[in-house]
């Protein structure tokens, strides 16, 4: 949660008179509605004595230089907003937009709404533009969102206005929430510390509008009567019970683990074979909506932070240092398909793709820039993405088919997949295909708890059945592993879970080793025929990581990360 504390010099504050539960600050007599009066009691409106407001020299959301002195002659509402905040900042931005509506077009020309970036990890102009577009602030002619490519420069502005900013290990940035009301001569007149309370939403806008009118010497009633609408909510997502949900080892020592630590989903890395784990997930944005992931090479990982609350856009990160550092995050325009388990796929440290806003976005420069590919066909319900060695994009989803976009093509090609007769038309789901060099590939299809496997030898032009249907206990992308020419799946075996290996060359399934003593298995990863890992239940409210080093003959509980305090 964002802090509502602020560091202000005591000399700059006038005495606040507390009377009848309200904070009074020269309230304009008879001008406050009941809603604005309630907001005044909760938010406060402290006189600041008319000191000169600290100037700043930043860039606005369009990349143009901007200073507070540019708005001399106008009243200014100044706030500090995080462009990837899921709660308070979208709320506060809409309250500021509500002031415009209440003043009306003529008077709002004498007001400037100014926000300063309050997230040290998201200082790019693109992040601000996404925020503005999502909140419809780009339609306001008197809206300015300012930032700086220099963290030192923007930290100086925070300090000048007494705004505290910190980045916790998990969750969104913690920063002071304030509205500074600055007069036309550039002097600080009032300070309000707003409360994120939906019942006070429209009242706070009215409160601010009344004080702005007073500062401008304007008279008459407020214009708008209908309340400003609250920000839109992202689809609700619930993080599951504590414990791992996916695992991937790129070598005997280097691996990745995704784990639930409610209310967040976190990313860990190991460089000692899983004996210890490091919390390496990207910071500065909430993980309440969960993650999507792709690990194309040792030491390289791509992570997508899914939308949550009033943060409606996904964010994509990339690391090439085992998570020791992450590149500049990229806010995408929109969200991945609801429920899509694999909307992110990377070919390498530089090339990746993401299913966002009903289409495919690709990057070839490590995520610095993205472009939108040819729109998906009408009616497509994508759930997963993969890349073949020739650079073709493959999208999976409902039904026994794949969509292919050749690297040099401009149109998606639907490709039908062989289906056992008894499953034809019965709610089939296709997982993202797995590829090897030379046009060799395979794809798992599922229906009603059964799984079968088709293969191709010509880069995906034609497919044939390779492994017959087998009943499995989990059907998600992380519950099917393709390694060393084999296909690994999970099956319930009495009170435990067995790992079965399919051989596409012979068309046979074989149980490997002994069942591990756990049910509810959800993910499997094999480095080679002897070394593997399984994520399975550890009681009704948690999951655990199991490991074998002898081809499944024996299984041991593997060490798990210790969640950071406050996670």
Protein backbone atom coordinates (compact mmCIF):
# COMPACT_ATOMS: atom_id res chain seq x y z
CA UNK A 1 0.00 0.00 0.00
CA UNK A 2 1.08 3.56 -0.61
CA UNK A 3 1.93 5.67 2.42
CA UNK A 4 -0.12 8.75 3.21
CA UNK A 5 2.74 10.22 5.25
CA UNK A 6 4.75 13.19 4.02
CA UNK A 7 7.86 14.92 5.24
CA UNK A 8 7.15 18.62 5.53
CA UNK A 9 9.00 21.33 7.41
CA UNK A 10 6.97 22.38 10.42
CA UNK A 11 7.54 26.03 9.61
CA UNK A 12 5.65 25.59 6.35
CA UNK A 13 2.51 24.36 8.09
CA UNK A 14 -0.19 26.58 9.53
CA UNK A 15 -2.12 25.43 12.57
CA UNK A 16 -4.81 22.85 11.78
CA UNK A 17 -7.92 23.43 13.83
CA UNK A 18 -9.74 20.24 14.74
CA UNK A 19 -13.42 20.83 15.30
CA UNK A 20 -16.20 18.28 15.28
CA UNK A 21 -14.01 15.68 13.55
CA UNK A 22 -13.29 17.95 10.56
CA UNK A 23 -9.99 19.50 9.51
CA UNK A 24 -10.68 23.16 8.84
CA UNK A 25 -8.45 25.31 6.67
CA UNK A 26 -10.27 28.50 5.78
CA UNK A 27 -13.14 26.49 4.32
CA UNK A 28 -15.11 28.49 1.74
CA UNK A 29 -18.30 29.15 3.61
CA UNK A 30 -21.37 27.44 2.21
CA UNK A 31 -19.53 26.08 -0.82
CA UNK A 32 -18.87 22.52 0.27
CA UNK A 33 -21.37 19.78 -0.50
CA UNK A 34 -21.95 16.97 1.96
CA UNK A 35 -19.63 14.74 -0.11
CA UNK A 36 -16.89 17.39 -0.16
CA UNK A 37 -17.28 17.97 3.57
CA UNK A 38 -16.78 14.24 4.19
CA UNK A 39 -13.71 14.31 1.96
CA UNK A 40 -12.34 17.31 3.87
CA UNK A 41 -12.65 15.43 7.14
CA UNK A 42 -10.80 12.43 5.71
CA UNK A 43 -8.25 14.09 3.43
CA UNK A 44 -7.57 17.37 5.18
CA UNK A 45 -6.73 20.65 3.50
CA UNK A 46 -3.75 22.24 5.22
CA UNK A 47 -2.75 25.86 4.52
CA UNK A 48 0.90 26.11 3.47
CA UNK A 49 1.42 29.84 3.93
CA UNK A 50 2.26 30.82 0.36
CA UNK A 51 5.89 29.74 0.17
CA UNK A 52 7.37 29.55 -3.32
CA UNK A 53 6.77 26.07 -4.73
CA UNK A 54 10.04 24.35 -5.71
CA UNK A 55 10.57 24.53 -9.45
CA UNK A 56 11.64 21.46 -11.43
CA UNK A 57 13.12 20.77 -14.84
CA UNK A 58 11.79 17.48 -16.21
CA UNK A 59 10.27 16.10 -19.41
CA UNK A 60 6.56 15.56 -19.97
CA UNK A 61 4.73 12.53 -21.34
CA UNK A 62 5.56 13.67 -24.88
CA UNK A 63 9.27 14.08 -24.24
CA UNK A 64 9.14 17.89 -24.11
CA UNK A 65 10.93 19.90 -21.41
CA UNK A 66 8.60 21.03 -18.64
CA UNK A 67 8.98 23.15 -15.51
CA UNK A 68 6.56 24.27 -12.86
CA UNK A 69 7.29 27.87 -13.87
CA UNK A 70 5.79 27.09 -17.30
CA UNK A 71 2.36 27.23 -15.65
CA UNK A 72 2.73 30.64 -14.00
CA UNK A 73 -0.63 32.37 -14.22
CA UNK A 74 -2.51 29.10 -13.68
CA UNK A 75 -3.52 27.26 -10.55
CA UNK A 76 -1.80 23.87 -10.32
CA UNK A 77 -2.81 20.61 -8.66
CA UNK A 78 0.44 18.71 -8.20
CA UNK A 79 0.52 15.00 -7.35
CA UNK A 80 3.06 12.17 -7.42
CA UNK A 81 1.86 9.07 -9.29
CA UNK A 82 3.24 5.63 -10.06
CA UNK A 83 2.45 4.60 -13.67
CA UNK A 84 2.13 0.91 -12.75
CA UNK A 85 0.22 1.30 -9.50
CA UNK A 86 -2.80 -1.01 -9.18
CA UNK A 87 -4.83 1.02 -6.69
CA UNK A 88 -4.21 4.55 -5.40
CA UNK A 89 -2.62 6.28 -8.38
CA UNK A 90 -5.30 5.49 -10.98
CA UNK A 91 -7.83 6.51 -8.33
CA UNK A 92 -6.06 9.80 -7.62
CA UNK A 93 -5.60 10.57 -11.31
CA UNK A 94 -9.34 10.18 -11.86
CA UNK A 95 -10.04 12.48 -8.93
CA UNK A 96 -7.84 15.09 -10.60
CA UNK A 97 -9.66 14.59 -13.91
CA UNK A 98 -12.92 15.05 -12.03
CA UNK A 99 -11.84 18.56 -11.05
CA UNK A 100 -11.70 19.46 -14.74
CA UNK A 101 -15.28 18.30 -15.21
CA UNK A 102 -16.47 20.22 -12.18
CA UNK A 103 -14.84 23.47 -13.25
CA UNK A 104 -16.01 23.26 -16.84
CA UNK A 105 -14.09 24.05 -20.05
CA UNK A 106 -13.68 27.79 -19.49
CA UNK A 107 -12.32 27.70 -15.94
CA UNK A 108 -10.24 24.53 -16.45
CA UNK A 109 -8.13 26.52 -18.91
CA UNK A 110 -6.82 28.35 -15.86
CA UNK A 111 -5.85 25.08 -14.13
CA UNK A 112 -2.96 22.71 -14.84
CA UNK A 113 -3.07 19.13 -13.57
CA UNK A 114 0.50 17.96 -12.98
CA UNK A 115 1.74 14.54 -11.90
CA UNK A 116 5.36 13.61 -11.26
CA UNK A 117 6.57 10.05 -11.70
CA UNK A 118 6.92 8.30 -8.33
CA UNK A 119 8.37 4.96 -9.43
CA UNK A 120 12.19 4.79 -9.77
CA UNK A 121 11.95 1.62 -11.86
CA UNK A 122 9.52 3.11 -14.40
CA UNK A 123 10.93 6.47 -15.44
CA UNK A 124 10.45 6.02 -19.18
CA UNK A 125 8.09 8.18 -21.20
CA UNK A 126 6.41 5.07 -22.63
CA UNK A 127 5.26 4.02 -19.15
CA UNK A 128 3.68 7.42 -18.59
CA UNK A 129 1.96 7.33 -21.97
CA UNK A 130 0.45 3.92 -21.21
CA UNK A 131 -0.88 5.25 -17.92
CA UNK A 132 -2.38 8.30 -19.60
CA UNK A 133 -4.03 6.25 -22.34
CA UNK A 134 -5.43 3.71 -19.89
CA UNK A 135 -6.94 6.42 -17.68
CA UNK A 136 -8.08 8.60 -20.63
CA UNK A 137 -5.87 11.40 -19.34
CA UNK A 138 -4.40 11.92 -22.79
CA UNK A 139 -7.69 13.58 -23.69
CA UNK A 140 -7.19 16.39 -21.16
CA UNK A 141 -5.47 19.46 -22.67
CA UNK A 142 -4.31 20.61 -19.22
CA UNK A 143 -2.74 17.32 -18.10
CA UNK A 144 1.03 16.95 -17.63
CA UNK A 145 2.82 13.82 -16.44
CA UNK A 146 6.51 14.54 -15.84
CA UNK A 147 9.55 12.33 -15.41
CA UNK A 148 13.30 12.30 -15.99
CA UNK A 149 15.74 9.78 -17.42
CA UNK A 150 17.95 10.75 -14.47
CA UNK A 151 16.95 9.10 -11.21
CA UNK A 152 19.02 11.67 -9.34
CA UNK A 153 17.05 14.51 -10.93
CA UNK A 154 13.66 13.11 -10.03
CA UNK A 155 14.79 12.15 -6.55
CA UNK A 156 15.67 15.81 -6.01
CA UNK A 157 12.07 16.75 -6.88
CA UNK A 158 10.71 14.16 -4.43
CA UNK A 159 12.95 15.60 -1.73
CA UNK A 160 11.96 19.17 -2.50
CA UNK A 161 8.31 18.31 -1.97
CA UNK A 162 8.88 16.06 1.03
CA UNK A 163 7.72 12.93 -0.79
CA UNK A 164 9.08 9.62 0.46
CA UNK A 165 9.56 6.85 -2.12
CA UNK A 166 10.79 3.30 -1.54
CA UNK A 167 10.71 0.06 -3.52
CA UNK A 168 9.87 -3.02 -1.42
CA UNK A 169 11.07 -6.50 -2.36
CA UNK A 170 7.56 -7.38 -3.46
CA UNK A 171 4.53 -5.38 -4.39
CA UNK A 172 4.17 -1.90 -5.73
CA UNK A 173 6.21 1.17 -4.84
CA UNK A 174 5.56 2.77 -1.48
CA UNK A 175 5.25 6.55 -1.75
CA UNK A 176 3.55 9.53 -0.19
CA UNK A 177 0.16 10.46 -1.60
CA UNK A 178 -0.46 14.18 -1.75
CA UNK A 179 -2.21 16.94 -3.62
CA UNK A 180 -0.37 20.25 -3.59
CA UNK A 181 -2.56 23.21 -4.55
CA UNK A 182 -0.29 25.88 -6.03
CA UNK A 183 -1.52 29.36 -6.86
CA UNK A 184 -1.13 31.29 -10.14
CA UNK A 185 1.96 33.02 -8.76
CA UNK A 186 3.67 29.71 -8.13
CA UNK A 187 3.14 29.68 -4.38
CA UNK A 188 2.04 26.71 -2.27
CA UNK A 189 -1.44 27.37 -0.90
CA UNK A 190 -2.82 24.07 0.39
CA UNK A 191 -1.86 20.44 0.94
CA UNK A 192 -4.28 17.52 0.99
CA UNK A 193 -3.43 13.87 1.74
CA UNK A 194 -6.21 11.96 -0.03
CA UNK A 195 -7.76 8.74 1.21
CA UNK A 196 -8.31 5.91 -1.28
CA UNK A 197 -11.93 5.38 -0.37
CA UNK A 198 -14.44 4.82 -3.14
CA UNK A 199 -17.13 6.47 -1.03
CA UNK A 200 -15.10 9.68 -1.00
CA UNK A 201 -14.07 9.60 -4.65
CA UNK A 202 -16.38 12.26 -6.09
CA UNK A 203 -16.32 14.26 -2.87
CA UNK A 204 -12.55 14.70 -3.09
CA UNK A 205 -12.88 16.01 -6.65
CA UNK A 206 -15.49 18.51 -5.43
CA UNK A 207 -13.29 19.52 -2.50
CA UNK A 208 -10.33 20.21 -4.78
CA UNK A 209 -12.51 22.08 -7.29
CA UNK A 210 -13.94 24.40 -4.62
CA UNK A 211 -10.48 25.33 -3.36
CA UNK A 212 -9.16 25.86 -6.89
CA UNK A 213 -12.06 28.19 -7.65
CA UNK A 214 -11.26 30.13 -4.51
CA UNK A 215 -7.59 30.41 -5.50
CA UNK A 216 -8.63 31.68 -8.94
CA UNK A 217 -11.12 34.18 -7.50
CA UNK A 218 -13.96 32.52 -9.40
CA UNK A 219 -17.54 32.40 -8.20
CA UNK A 220 -20.62 30.39 -8.97
CA UNK A 221 -21.54 26.71 -8.62
CA UNK A 222 -19.56 23.74 -9.87
CA UNK A 223 -20.54 22.62 -13.36
CA UNK A 224 -20.75 18.82 -13.41
CA UNK A 225 -23.44 17.02 -11.47
CA UNK A 226 -22.86 13.40 -12.50
CA UNK A 227 -19.98 11.68 -10.64
CA UNK A 228 -16.77 10.84 -12.43
CA UNK A 229 -16.56 7.11 -13.09
CA UNK A 230 -14.14 5.02 -11.07
CA UNK A 231 -11.26 3.30 -12.92
CA UNK A 232 -11.97 -0.01 -14.57
CA UNK A 233 -11.01 -3.24 -12.80
CA UNK A 234 -8.78 -5.94 -14.27
CA UNK A 235 -10.17 -9.51 -14.12
CA UNK A 236 -9.87 -10.81 -10.57
CA UNK A 237 -6.97 -13.20 -10.02
CA UNK A 238 -6.38 -15.25 -6.90
CA UNK A 239 -2.88 -16.44 -6.08
CA UNK A 240 -3.06 -20.09 -5.01
CA UNK A 241 -1.70 -21.82 -1.90
CA UNK A 242 1.94 -21.22 -0.92
CA UNK A 243 4.63 -23.17 -2.69
CA UNK A 244 6.10 -23.75 -6.16
CA UNK A 245 4.00 -23.82 -9.32
CA UNK A 246 6.65 -24.26 -12.03
CA UNK A 247 10.29 -25.27 -12.25
CA UNK A 248 12.93 -25.25 -15.00
CA UNK A 249 16.58 -26.29 -14.91
CA UNK A 250 18.80 -25.15 -17.76
CA UNK A 251 21.77 -27.10 -16.40
CA UNK A 252 22.62 -29.27 -13.42
CA UNK A 253 23.21 -26.15 -11.32
CA UNK A 254 21.28 -23.29 -12.87
CA UNK A 255 17.50 -23.23 -12.59
CA UNK A 256 14.36 -21.16 -12.08
CA UNK A 257 11.36 -21.58 -9.82
CA UNK A 258 8.00 -19.80 -9.80
CA UNK A 259 6.27 -19.95 -6.43
CA UNK A 260 3.17 -18.58 -4.76
CA UNK A 261 3.74 -16.47 -1.69
CA UNK A 262 0.25 -15.00 -1.23
CA UNK A 263 -0.73 -12.39 -2.15
CA UNK A 264 2.14 -12.50 -4.67
CA UNK A 265 3.63 -14.89 -7.21
CA UNK A 266 7.43 -14.74 -7.13
CA UNK A 267 10.39 -15.79 -9.26
CA UNK A 268 13.49 -17.45 -7.82
CA UNK A 269 16.82 -18.60 -9.26
CA UNK A 270 19.45 -21.11 -8.15
CA UNK A 271 23.04 -21.62 -9.21
CA UNK A 272 23.81 -24.58 -6.96
CA UNK A 273 21.36 -27.17 -8.25
CA UNK A 274 18.50 -26.07 -6.03
CA UNK A 275 20.26 -26.29 -2.66
CA UNK A 276 19.51 -22.58 -2.19
CA UNK A 277 17.26 -20.15 -4.02
CA UNK A 278 17.50 -16.41 -4.59
CA UNK A 279 14.47 -14.15 -4.84
CA UNK A 280 15.15 -12.47 -8.21
CA UNK A 281 11.74 -11.30 -9.35
CA UNK A 282 11.43 -7.80 -10.85
CA UNK A 283 10.50 -5.02 -8.46
CA UNK A 284 8.51 -1.81 -8.65
CA UNK A 285 5.23 -3.41 -9.68
CA UNK A 286 2.76 -5.67 -7.92
CA UNK A 287 2.81 -9.42 -8.51
CA UNK A 288 -0.75 -9.92 -7.25
CA UNK A 289 -1.95 -10.80 -10.74
CA UNK A 290 0.66 -13.52 -11.15
CA UNK A 291 3.45 -14.05 -13.64
CA UNK A 292 4.06 -15.59 -17.04
CA UNK A 293 7.57 -16.79 -17.87
CA UNK A 294 9.93 -18.03 -20.54
CA UNK A 295 13.54 -19.19 -20.16
CA UNK A 296 15.16 -19.64 -23.59
CA UNK A 297 18.81 -20.06 -22.50
CA UNK A 298 20.93 -20.52 -19.37
CA UNK A 299 20.92 -17.34 -17.34
CA UNK A 300 18.20 -15.77 -19.49
CA UNK A 301 14.61 -15.32 -18.39
CA UNK A 302 11.67 -13.25 -19.55
CA UNK A 303 8.86 -12.48 -17.12
CA UNK A 304 5.45 -10.93 -17.63
CA UNK A 305 3.69 -9.36 -14.67
CA UNK A 306 -0.02 -9.81 -15.28
CA UNK A 307 -2.51 -6.98 -14.69
CA UNK A 308 -4.24 -6.60 -11.36
CA UNK A 309 -6.74 -4.19 -9.83
CA UNK A 310 -6.73 -0.86 -11.67
CA UNK A 311 -3.42 -1.66 -13.38
CA UNK A 312 -4.82 -3.01 -16.66
CA UNK A 313 -1.59 -3.42 -18.63
CA UNK A 314 0.92 -6.25 -18.54
CA UNK A 315 4.61 -5.50 -17.98
CA UNK A 316 7.47 -7.49 -19.52
CA UNK A 317 10.98 -7.80 -18.09
CA UNK A 318 14.14 -9.56 -19.24
CA UNK A 319 17.29 -10.68 -17.43
CA UNK A 320 20.48 -12.09 -18.90
CA UNK A 321 22.26 -12.35 -15.56
CA UNK A 322 20.38 -15.12 -13.72
CA UNK A 323 18.09 -12.46 -12.29
CA UNK A 324 20.88 -10.40 -10.73
CA UNK A 325 19.61 -7.44 -12.75
CA UNK A 326 16.71 -6.75 -15.09
CA UNK A 327 16.54 -4.53 -18.12
CA UNK A 328 14.20 -1.58 -18.42
CA UNK A 329 10.65 -2.89 -17.96
CA UNK A 330 8.20 -2.47 -20.80
CA UNK A 331 4.53 -1.72 -20.16
CA UNK A 332 2.41 -3.39 -22.81
CA UNK A 333 -0.81 -1.94 -24.18
CA UNK A 334 -3.32 -4.20 -22.50
CA UNK A 335 -3.52 -7.64 -20.96
CA UNK A 336 -2.89 -11.21 -22.06
CA UNK A 337 -5.96 -13.34 -22.79
CA UNK A 338 -7.84 -14.18 -19.62
CA UNK A 339 -6.72 -17.56 -18.35
CA UNK A 340 -3.97 -17.95 -20.96
CA UNK A 341 -1.25 -20.03 -19.24
CA UNK A 342 1.57 -19.26 -21.70
CA UNK A 343 1.17 -15.80 -23.28
CA UNK A 344 4.93 -15.12 -23.29
CA UNK A 345 7.59 -16.99 -25.29
CA UNK A 346 11.20 -16.10 -26.04
CA UNK A 347 13.53 -17.47 -28.71
CA UNK A 348 16.66 -15.93 -27.22
CA UNK A 349 17.91 -13.09 -25.07
CA UNK A 350 16.92 -10.64 -27.81
CA UNK A 351 13.81 -12.12 -29.46
CA UNK A 352 10.48 -12.71 -27.76
CA UNK A 353 6.76 -12.42 -28.27
CA UNK A 354 3.74 -11.71 -26.10
CA UNK A 355 0.04 -12.29 -26.60
CA UNK A 356 -1.52 -9.02 -25.47
CA UNK A 357 -4.77 -7.22 -26.30
CA UNK A 358 -5.91 -9.95 -28.65
CA UNK A 359 -2.78 -9.90 -30.78
CA UNK A 360 0.87 -10.83 -30.98
CA UNK A 361 3.58 -8.31 -30.11
CA UNK A 362 7.22 -9.08 -30.91
CA UNK A 363 10.62 -7.68 -30.03
CA UNK A 364 14.02 -8.28 -31.58
CA UNK A 365 16.10 -5.98 -29.36
CA UNK A 366 15.70 -7.47 -25.92
CA UNK A 367 12.38 -5.78 -25.19
CA UNK A 368 13.44 -2.19 -25.86
CA UNK A 369 10.89 -1.87 -28.66
CA UNK A 370 7.88 -3.98 -29.62
CA UNK A 371 5.79 -4.14 -32.77
CA UNK A 372 2.37 -5.61 -33.36
CA UNK A 373 2.22 -8.51 -35.77
CA UNK A 374 -0.60 -9.28 -38.18
CA UNK A 375 -3.87 -9.45 -36.19
CA UNK A 376 -5.03 -12.91 -35.20
CA UNK A 377 -7.95 -14.37 -37.16
CA UNK A 378 -11.42 -13.53 -35.95
CA UNK A 379 -12.65 -15.94 -33.31
CA UNK A 380 -9.16 -17.02 -32.23
CA UNK A 381 -8.91 -17.80 -28.53
CA UNK A 382 -5.15 -17.92 -27.95
CA UNK A 383 -3.77 -19.49 -24.78
CA UNK A 384 -0.12 -20.10 -25.64
CA UNK A 385 2.76 -19.04 -27.83
CA UNK A 386 5.89 -20.76 -29.17
CA UNK A 387 8.60 -20.16 -31.78
CA UNK A 388 10.03 -22.65 -34.25
CA UNK A 389 13.70 -22.50 -35.32
CA UNK A 390 12.80 -20.87 -38.64
CA UNK A 391 11.32 -17.87 -36.78
CA UNK A 392 7.66 -18.78 -37.26
CA UNK A 393 5.28 -17.87 -34.45
CA UNK A 394 2.88 -20.58 -33.29
CA UNK A 395 -0.27 -19.83 -31.31
CA UNK A 396 -2.21 -22.55 -29.53
CA UNK A 397 -5.66 -22.50 -28.01
CA UNK A 398 -9.00 -24.25 -28.11
CA UNK A 399 -9.53 -26.99 -30.66
CA UNK A 400 -7.17 -29.37 -32.46
CA UNK A 401 -5.34 -26.73 -34.44
CA UNK A 402 -2.45 -24.30 -34.40
CA UNK A 403 -2.05 -20.87 -35.95
CA UNK A 404 1.25 -20.24 -37.70
CA UNK A 405 2.73 -16.89 -38.72
CA UNK A 406 5.83 -17.45 -40.88
CA UNK A 407 8.79 -15.19 -40.18
CA UNK A 408 8.46 -13.68 -43.63
CA UNK A 409 4.68 -13.96 -43.86
CA UNK A 410 1.88 -11.49 -43.37
CA UNK A 411 -1.04 -13.84 -42.72
CA UNK A 412 -1.79 -16.47 -40.11
CA UNK A 413 -2.10 -20.04 -41.38
CA UNK A 414 -4.51 -22.39 -39.57
CA UNK A 415 -3.10 -25.91 -39.30
CA UNK A 416 -5.30 -28.82 -38.25
CA UNK A 417 -3.86 -31.55 -36.05
CA UNK A 418 -4.62 -35.29 -36.03
CA UNK A 419 -7.16 -36.22 -33.37
CA UNK A 420 -8.24 -39.64 -32.05
CA UNK A 421 -11.78 -40.34 -33.19
CA UNK A 422 -13.22 -40.67 -29.70
CA UNK A 423 -12.09 -37.13 -28.82
CA UNK A 424 -13.23 -35.37 -31.99
CA UNK A 425 -15.21 -32.25 -31.13
CA UNK A 426 -15.07 -32.81 -27.37
CA UNK A 427 -13.43 -29.70 -25.95
CA UNK A 428 -9.87 -30.26 -27.10
CA UNK A 429 -7.12 -27.87 -26.00
CA UNK A 430 -3.78 -27.61 -27.79
CA UNK A 431 -0.60 -26.71 -25.90
CA UNK A 432 2.23 -24.65 -27.41
CA UNK A 433 4.44 -26.88 -29.60
CA UNK A 434 8.01 -27.85 -28.72
CA UNK A 435 10.75 -27.65 -31.33
CA UNK A 436 14.17 -29.07 -32.14
CA UNK A 437 16.54 -28.05 -34.95
CA UNK A 438 15.88 -29.30 -38.46
CA UNK A 439 12.12 -28.82 -38.51
CA UNK A 440 11.42 -31.50 -35.91
CA UNK A 441 8.59 -30.61 -33.56
CA UNK A 442 5.82 -31.98 -31.40
CA UNK A 443 2.63 -30.80 -29.80
CA UNK A 444 0.50 -32.12 -26.94
CA UNK A 445 -3.29 -32.03 -27.13
CA UNK A 446 -5.63 -32.63 -24.19
CA UNK A 447 -9.29 -33.39 -23.62
CA UNK A 448 -11.11 -34.41 -20.44
CA UNK A 449 -7.95 -35.41 -18.60
CA UNK A 450 -6.40 -37.29 -21.53
CA UNK A 451 -3.31 -36.31 -23.50
CA UNK A 452 -1.85 -37.37 -26.84
CA UNK A 453 1.08 -36.17 -28.91
CA UNK A 454 1.51 -35.30 -32.59
CA UNK A 455 4.80 -34.67 -34.39
CA UNK A 456 6.11 -32.97 -37.53
CA UNK A 457 9.29 -33.42 -39.53
CA UNK A 458 8.83 -30.60 -42.02
CA UNK A 459 8.64 -27.51 -39.83
CA UNK A 460 4.94 -27.87 -39.09
CA UNK A 461 3.42 -28.15 -42.53
CA UNK A 462 2.18 -31.67 -41.86
CA UNK A 463 1.60 -33.49 -38.59
CA UNK A 464 1.04 -37.14 -37.68
CA UNK A 465 0.07 -38.99 -34.49
CA UNK A 466 3.08 -40.11 -32.44
CA UNK A 467 1.84 -41.03 -28.95
CA UNK A 468 -1.61 -42.46 -28.17
CA UNK A 469 -3.96 -40.93 -25.57
CA UNK A 470 -2.92 -41.38 -21.95
CA UNK A 471 -4.86 -40.33 -18.87
CA UNK A 472 -2.96 -37.65 -16.97
CA UNK A 473 -3.42 -35.76 -13.72
CA UNK A 474 -2.40 -32.32 -15.04
CA UNK A 475 -2.70 -30.79 -18.50
CA UNK A 476 -1.11 -27.34 -18.35
CA UNK A 477 2.01 -26.35 -20.32
CA UNK A 478 4.26 -26.91 -17.29
CA UNK A 479 2.80 -30.39 -16.76
CA UNK A 480 4.25 -31.62 -20.07
CA UNK A 481 8.02 -31.70 -20.54
CA UNK A 482 9.85 -32.47 -23.77
CA UNK A 483 13.51 -33.34 -23.19
CA UNK A 484 16.05 -35.70 -24.71
CA UNK A 485 13.60 -36.94 -27.33
CA UNK A 486 11.05 -37.96 -24.68
CA UNK A 487 7.72 -36.54 -23.53
CA UNK A 488 7.15 -36.52 -19.75
CA UNK A 489 3.70 -36.35 -18.18
CA UNK A 490 2.17 -36.87 -14.72
CA UNK A 491 -0.33 -39.58 -13.71
CA UNK A 492 -2.01 -40.39 -10.45
CA UNK A 493 -0.77 -43.69 -9.01
CA UNK A 494 -2.78 -44.71 -5.97
CA UNK A 495 -1.85 -42.27 -3.20
CA UNK A 496 1.10 -40.91 -5.19
CA UNK A 497 2.10 -39.51 -8.55
CA UNK A 498 3.93 -41.34 -11.30
CA UNK A 499 5.98 -39.83 -14.09
CA UNK A 500 5.49 -41.42 -17.50
CA UNK A 501 7.78 -40.97 -20.46
CA UNK A 502 6.56 -41.17 -24.02
CA UNK A 503 8.83 -42.19 -26.89
CA UNK A 504 7.51 -40.63 -30.12
CA UNK A 505 9.81 -42.88 -32.17
CA UNK A 506 8.12 -46.07 -30.90
CA UNK A 507 4.73 -44.62 -30.00
CA UNK A 508 4.83 -46.03 -26.46
CA UNK A 509 4.40 -44.71 -22.92
CA UNK A 510 6.43 -46.12 -20.02
CA UNK A 511 6.33 -45.34 -16.32
CA UNK A 512 9.76 -44.27 -15.13
CA UNK A 513 10.92 -45.29 -11.68
CA UNK A 514 8.57 -45.36 -8.72
CA UNK A 515 5.69 -43.00 -7.89
CA UNK A 516 6.61 -40.11 -5.68
CA UNK A 517 4.58 -40.01 -2.45
CA UNK A 518 2.52 -36.94 -3.28
CA UNK A 519 -0.68 -36.14 -5.16
CA UNK A 520 -1.85 -33.02 -6.92
CA UNK A 521 1.22 -32.80 -9.16
CA UNK A 522 1.13 -29.76 -11.45
CA UNK A 523 4.53 -29.38 -13.11
CA UNK A 524 7.40 -31.58 -14.30
CA UNK A 525 10.90 -30.79 -15.54
CA UNK A 526 13.58 -33.24 -16.72
CA UNK A 527 17.10 -32.23 -17.58
CA UNK A 528 17.94 -35.71 -18.89
CA UNK A 529 16.60 -39.27 -18.34
CA UNK A 530 18.03 -39.41 -14.81
CA UNK A 531 17.57 -35.92 -13.35
CA UNK A 532 14.12 -34.48 -12.91
CA UNK A 533 11.86 -32.36 -10.72
CA UNK A 534 8.14 -32.42 -9.98
CA UNK A 535 5.92 -29.85 -8.31
CA UNK A 536 3.28 -31.65 -6.24
CA UNK A 537 1.03 -31.05 -3.26
CA UNK A 538 2.42 -31.01 0.27
CA UNK A 539 -0.87 -31.20 2.10
CA UNK A 540 -4.14 -29.42 1.35
CA UNK A 541 -2.76 -25.87 1.56
CA UNK A 542 0.75 -25.95 0.10
CA UNK A 543 2.92 -27.49 -2.60
CA UNK A 544 6.46 -28.87 -2.62
CA UNK A 545 9.30 -29.58 -5.01
CA UNK A 546 10.46 -33.17 -5.48
CA UNK A 547 13.71 -34.27 -7.10
CA UNK A 548 15.13 -37.47 -8.57
CA UNK A 549 18.71 -38.12 -9.63
CA UNK A 550 18.31 -41.77 -10.56
CA UNK A 551 15.60 -41.76 -13.19
CA UNK A 552 12.73 -41.79 -10.74
CA UNK A 553 13.72 -44.82 -8.69
CA UNK A 554 13.84 -42.56 -5.64
CA UNK A 555 12.39 -39.13 -4.94
CA UNK A 556 13.38 -36.59 -2.29
CA UNK A 557 11.83 -33.34 -1.14
CA UNK A 558 13.99 -30.56 -2.52
CA UNK A 559 14.77 -27.37 -0.56
CA UNK A 560 12.46 -24.44 -1.22
CA UNK A 561 13.03 -20.71 -1.01
CA UNK A 562 12.35 -19.03 2.29
CA UNK A 563 9.87 -16.23 1.56
CA UNK A 564 11.18 -12.78 2.36
CA UNK A 565 9.69 -11.10 5.39
CA UNK A 566 6.50 -9.34 4.46
CA UNK A 567 6.01 -11.29 1.22
